[in-house]
C-alpha atoms as a PDB file:
ATOM      1  CA  UNK A   1      24.618   1.267 -27.053  1.00  0.00           C
ATOM      2  CA  UNK A   2      23.919   2.102 -23.406  1.00  0.00           C
ATOM      3  CA  UNK A   3      20.903   2.682 -21.220  1.00  0.00           C
ATOM      4  CA  UNK A   4      20.493   5.285 -18.487  1.00  0.00           C
ATOM      5  CA  UNK A   5      17.248   6.426 -16.947  1.00  0.00           C
ATOM      6  CA  UNK A   6      14.996   6.860 -13.962  1.00  0.00           C
ATOM      7  CA  UNK A   7      11.867   5.043 -12.923  1.00  0.00           C
ATOM      8  CA  UNK A   8       9.577   7.109 -10.700  1.00  0.00           C
ATOM      9  CA  UNK A   9       6.248   6.462  -9.001  1.00  0.00           C
ATOM     10  CA  UNK A  10       4.351   9.034  -6.980  1.00  0.00           C
ATOM     11  CA  UNK A  11       1.078   9.161  -5.095  1.00  0.00           C
ATOM     12  CA  UNK A  12      -0.541  12.212  -3.542  1.00  0.00           C
ATOM     13  CA  UNK A  13      -3.854  12.362  -1.716  1.00  0.00           C
ATOM     14  CA  UNK A  14      -5.428  14.158   1.239  1.00  0.00           C
ATOM     15  CA  UNK A  15      -8.198  12.748   3.391  1.00  0.00           C
ATOM     16  CA  UNK A  16     -10.230  15.387   5.234  1.00  0.00           C
ATOM     17  CA  UNK A  17     -12.870  14.957   7.893  1.00  0.00           C
ATOM     18  CA  UNK A  18     -14.808  17.382  10.043  1.00  0.00           C
ATOM     19  CA  UNK A  19     -14.208  16.513  13.709  1.00  0.00           C
ATOM     20  CA  UNK A  20     -16.346  18.771  15.883  1.00  0.00           C
ATOM     21  CA  UNK A  21     -15.648  22.282  14.607  1.00  0.00           C
ATOM     22  CA  UNK A  22     -12.238  21.410  13.164  1.00  0.00           C
ATOM     23  CA  UNK A  23     -11.404  19.990   9.756  1.00  0.00           C
ATOM     24  CA  UNK A  24      -8.668  17.408  10.109  1.00  0.00           C
ATOM     25  CA  UNK A  25      -6.484  16.768   7.048  1.00  0.00           C
ATOM     26  CA  UNK A  26      -4.310  13.696   6.605  1.00  0.00           C
ATOM     27  CA  UNK A  27      -2.050  14.082   3.590  1.00  0.00           C
ATOM     28  CA  UNK A  28      -0.457  11.009   2.048  1.00  0.00           C
ATOM     29  CA  UNK A  29       2.643  11.698  -0.002  1.00  0.00           C
ATOM     30  CA  UNK A  30       4.736   8.860  -1.414  1.00  0.00           C
ATOM     31  CA  UNK A  31       7.421   9.097  -4.051  1.00  0.00           C
ATOM     32  CA  UNK A  32       9.806   6.373  -5.109  1.00  0.00           C
ATOM     33  CA  UNK A  33      12.469   6.662  -7.738  1.00  0.00           C
ATOM     34  CA  UNK A  34      15.338   4.566  -8.997  1.00  0.00           C
ATOM     35  CA  UNK A  35      18.137   5.662 -11.249  1.00  0.00           C
ATOM     36  CA  UNK A  36      19.242   3.026 -13.731  1.00  0.00           C
ATOM     37  CA  UNK A  37      22.747   2.842 -15.132  1.00  0.00           C
ATOM     38  CA  UNK A  38      23.959   0.694 -17.988  1.00  0.00           C
ATOM     39  CA  UNK A  39      24.862  -2.860 -16.948  1.00  0.00           C
ATOM     40  CA  UNK A  40      23.433  -6.117 -15.613  1.00  0.00           C
ATOM     41  CA  UNK A  41      23.690  -5.713 -11.829  1.00  0.00           C
ATOM     42  CA  UNK A  42      21.490  -4.072  -9.226  1.00  0.00           C
ATOM     43  CA  UNK A  43      19.977  -0.770 -10.424  1.00  0.00           C
ATOM     44  CA  UNK A  44      21.236  -1.466 -13.943  1.00  0.00           C
ATOM     45  CA  UNK A  45      19.695  -2.468 -17.272  1.00  0.00           C
ATOM     46  CA  UNK A  46      20.689  -2.665 -20.908  1.00  0.00           C
ATOM     47  CA  UNK A  47      17.466  -2.541 -22.923  1.00  0.00           C
ATOM     48  CA  UNK A  48      14.008  -1.094 -23.268  1.00  0.00           C
ATOM     49  CA  UNK A  49      10.834  -2.037 -25.095  1.00  0.00           C
ATOM     50  CA  UNK A  50       7.501  -0.320 -25.633  1.00  0.00           C
ATOM     51  CA  UNK A  51       4.374  -1.070 -27.615  1.00  0.00           C
ATOM     52  CA  UNK A  52       0.767  -0.043 -27.850  1.00  0.00           C
ATOM     53  CA  UNK A  53      -2.101  -1.563 -29.715  1.00  0.00           C
ATOM     54  CA  UNK A  54      -5.628  -2.854 -29.934  1.00  0.00           C
ATOM     55  CA  UNK A  55      -6.911  -6.374 -29.399  1.00  0.00           C
ATOM     56  CA  UNK A  56     -10.169  -7.515 -30.974  1.00  0.00           C
ATOM     57  CA  UNK A  57     -12.836  -9.296 -28.930  1.00  0.00           C
ATOM     58  CA  UNK A  58     -11.632 -12.785 -27.906  1.00  0.00           C
ATOM     59  CA  UNK A  59      -8.138 -11.981 -29.260  1.00  0.00           C
ATOM     60  CA  UNK A  60      -4.733 -11.820 -27.604  1.00  0.00           C
ATOM     61  CA  UNK A  61      -1.250 -10.318 -27.950  1.00  0.00           C
ATOM     62  CA  UNK A  62       1.938 -12.200 -26.992  1.00  0.00           C
ATOM     63  CA  UNK A  63       5.130 -10.508 -25.754  1.00  0.00           C
ATOM     64  CA  UNK A  64       8.165 -12.852 -25.683  1.00  0.00           C
ATOM     65  CA  UNK A  65      11.402 -11.302 -24.425  1.00  0.00           C
ATOM     66  CA  UNK A  66      13.636 -14.320 -25.171  1.00  0.00           C
ATOM     67  CA  UNK A  67      15.813 -14.872 -28.259  1.00  0.00           C
ATOM     68  CA  UNK A  68      13.592 -15.392 -31.277  1.00  0.00           C
ATOM     69  CA  UNK A  69      10.521 -13.907 -29.570  1.00  0.00           C
ATOM     70  CA  UNK A  70      10.107 -11.376 -32.365  1.00  0.00           C
ATOM     71  CA  UNK A  71      10.275  -8.230 -30.221  1.00  0.00           C
ATOM     72  CA  UNK A  72      12.482  -5.330 -31.321  1.00  0.00           C
ATOM     73  CA  UNK A  73      13.904  -2.498 -29.246  1.00  0.00           C
ATOM     74  CA  UNK A  74      13.612   1.134 -30.452  1.00  0.00           C
ATOM     75  CA  UNK A  75      16.812   0.755 -32.525  1.00  0.00           C
ATOM     76  CA  UNK A  76      15.423  -2.269 -34.395  1.00  0.00           C
ATOM     77  CA  UNK A  77      17.601  -4.795 -32.551  1.00  0.00           C
ATOM     78  CA  UNK A  78      16.003  -8.119 -31.586  1.00  0.00           C
ATOM     79  CA  UNK A  79      15.339  -8.411 -27.850  1.00  0.00           C
ATOM     80  CA  UNK A  80      16.962 -11.374 -26.103  1.00  0.00           C
ATOM     81  CA  UNK A  81      16.781 -10.565 -22.404  1.00  0.00           C
ATOM     82  CA  UNK A  82      17.761 -12.803 -19.492  1.00  0.00           C
ATOM     83  CA  UNK A  83      16.227 -10.539 -16.798  1.00  0.00           C
ATOM     84  CA  UNK A  84      13.261  -8.201 -16.587  1.00  0.00           C
ATOM     85  CA  UNK A  85      13.674  -5.211 -14.264  1.00  0.00           C
ATOM     86  CA  UNK A  86      10.496  -3.226 -14.958  1.00  0.00           C
ATOM     87  CA  UNK A  87       7.186  -3.958 -16.653  1.00  0.00           C
ATOM     88  CA  UNK A  88       4.134  -1.750 -16.985  1.00  0.00           C
ATOM     89  CA  UNK A  89       0.992  -2.891 -18.778  1.00  0.00           C
ATOM     90  CA  UNK A  90      -1.728  -0.243 -18.964  1.00  0.00           C
ATOM     91  CA  UNK A  91      -5.300  -0.810 -20.105  1.00  0.00           C
ATOM     92  CA  UNK A  92      -6.144   2.312 -22.112  1.00  0.00           C
ATOM     93  CA  UNK A  93      -9.709   1.283 -22.975  1.00  0.00           C
ATOM     94  CA  UNK A  94     -12.638   3.044 -21.297  1.00  0.00           C
ATOM     95  CA  UNK A  95     -14.850   0.008 -20.619  1.00  0.00           C
ATOM     96  CA  UNK A  96     -13.202  -3.313 -21.592  1.00  0.00           C
ATOM     97  CA  UNK A  97     -10.974  -5.228 -19.109  1.00  0.00           C
ATOM     98  CA  UNK A  98      -8.306  -7.700 -20.216  1.00  0.00           C
ATOM     99  CA  UNK A  99      -6.411 -10.591 -18.612  1.00  0.00           C
ATOM    100  CA  UNK A 100      -2.664 -11.072 -18.292  1.00  0.00           C
ATOM    101  CA  UNK A 101      -1.172 -14.552 -18.266  1.00  0.00           C
ATOM    102  CA  UNK A 102       2.540 -15.283 -18.054  1.00  0.00           C
ATOM    103  CA  UNK A 103       5.250 -17.924 -18.184  1.00  0.00           C
ATOM    104  CA  UNK A 104       7.585 -15.569 -16.241  1.00  0.00           C
ATOM    105  CA  UNK A 105       8.063 -16.865 -12.691  1.00  0.00           C
ATOM    106  CA  UNK A 106       7.236 -14.164 -10.153  1.00  0.00           C
ATOM    107  CA  UNK A 107       5.249 -11.905 -12.485  1.00  0.00           C
ATOM    108  CA  UNK A 108       1.787 -11.083 -11.144  1.00  0.00           C
ATOM    109  CA  UNK A 109      -1.071 -12.088 -13.405  1.00  0.00           C
ATOM    110  CA  UNK A 110      -4.771 -11.316 -13.440  1.00  0.00           C
ATOM    111  CA  UNK A 111      -7.336  -8.900 -14.757  1.00  0.00           C
ATOM    112  CA  UNK A 112      -6.455  -5.309 -15.589  1.00  0.00           C
ATOM    113  CA  UNK A 113      -9.560  -3.160 -15.370  1.00  0.00           C
ATOM    114  CA  UNK A 114     -10.238  -0.255 -17.767  1.00  0.00           C
ATOM    115  CA  UNK A 115      -7.743   2.519 -17.040  1.00  0.00           C
ATOM    116  CA  UNK A 116      -5.824   0.166 -14.731  1.00  0.00           C
ATOM    117  CA  UNK A 117      -2.152  -0.715 -14.657  1.00  0.00           C
ATOM    118  CA  UNK A 118      -0.155  -3.839 -13.851  1.00  0.00           C
ATOM    119  CA  UNK A 119       3.274  -2.793 -12.587  1.00  0.00           C
ATOM    120  CA  UNK A 120       6.305  -4.913 -11.748  1.00  0.00           C
ATOM    121  CA  UNK A 121       9.504  -3.367 -10.484  1.00  0.00           C
ATOM    122  CA  UNK A 122      12.545  -5.407  -9.370  1.00  0.00           C
ATOM    123  CA  UNK A 123      15.792  -3.426  -9.558  1.00  0.00           C
ATOM    124  CA  UNK A 124      18.008  -6.010  -7.820  1.00  0.00           C
ATOM    125  CA  UNK A 125      20.619  -8.043  -9.713  1.00  0.00           C
ATOM    126  CA  UNK A 126      18.374 -11.138  -9.862  1.00  0.00           C
ATOM    127  CA  UNK A 127      15.164  -9.388 -11.052  1.00  0.00           C
ATOM    128  CA  UNK A 128      12.740 -11.655 -12.912  1.00  0.00           C
ATOM    129  CA  UNK A 129      14.829 -14.382 -14.543  1.00  0.00           C
ATOM    130  CA  UNK A 130      13.908 -15.101 -18.153  1.00  0.00           C
ATOM    131  CA  UNK A 131      14.637 -18.340 -20.019  1.00  0.00           C
ATOM    132  CA  UNK A 132      13.532 -19.997 -23.254  1.00  0.00           C
ATOM    133  CA  UNK A 133      10.336 -21.379 -21.743  1.00  0.00           C
ATOM    134  CA  UNK A 134       9.679 -18.598 -19.227  1.00  0.00           C
ATOM    135  CA  UNK A 135      10.066 -15.205 -20.902  1.00  0.00           C
ATOM    136  CA  UNK A 136       6.605 -14.321 -22.193  1.00  0.00           C
ATOM    137  CA  UNK A 137       3.310 -12.828 -21.153  1.00  0.00           C
ATOM    138  CA  UNK A 138       0.014 -12.435 -23.007  1.00  0.00           C
ATOM    139  CA  UNK A 139      -2.765  -9.900 -22.921  1.00  0.00           C
ATOM    140  CA  UNK A 140      -6.077 -11.630 -23.629  1.00  0.00           C
ATOM    141  CA  UNK A 141      -9.283  -9.783 -24.336  1.00  0.00           C
ATOM    142  CA  UNK A 142     -12.644 -11.240 -23.433  1.00  0.00           C
ATOM    143  CA  UNK A 143     -15.819 -11.132 -25.460  1.00  0.00           C
ATOM    144  CA  UNK A 144     -17.677  -7.931 -26.195  1.00  0.00           C
ATOM    145  CA  UNK A 145     -15.608  -5.155 -27.729  1.00  0.00           C
ATOM    146  CA  UNK A 146     -11.986  -4.550 -28.615  1.00  0.00           C
ATOM    147  CA  UNK A 147      -9.561  -3.236 -26.007  1.00  0.00           C
ATOM    148  CA  UNK A 148      -6.297  -1.280 -26.070  1.00  0.00           C
ATOM    149  CA  UNK A 149      -3.009  -1.352 -24.170  1.00  0.00           C
ATOM    150  CA  UNK A 150       0.399   0.198 -23.605  1.00  0.00           C
ATOM    151  CA  UNK A 151       3.390  -1.978 -22.633  1.00  0.00           C
ATOM    152  CA  UNK A 152       6.710  -0.590 -21.369  1.00  0.00           C
ATOM    153  CA  UNK A 153       9.579  -2.806 -20.186  1.00  0.00           C
ATOM    154  CA  UNK A 154      13.212  -2.520 -19.158  1.00  0.00           C
ATOM    155  CA  UNK A 155      15.535  -5.493 -18.954  1.00  0.00           C
ATOM    156  CA  UNK A 156      18.961  -7.024 -19.377  1.00  0.00           C
END
């Protein structure tokens, strides 16, 4: 089994303003991409994971990437990563925010608003180190209505 891929992020916008009789346009164009090869060093990874689901009001979902965490890759193999290179958690609900908490050192935590995304990207050889007591994050829904999410991760 091997992993090869590309992670890409782009942003395009144009700010315009009328200055006297002239419309001034300030385009902002940013594009970042990283090719990933199979392996455990910089710009390399060996596994991927994705999930989507719903969480009832006051419920939560746990994602543990360490041995015995219960997560399976697309081939049905148990995930037992030691590093996380990329993580995207998207809130796909129209009105309900959710909170992310984590035992993974260096992973940002907080509230993900409706339609929002938490994104972590560390392609270097160290990445986010995972260990038995520091390899999990949770999505926790507040009160009110259910919420929904998409999780995508790449690791070693």
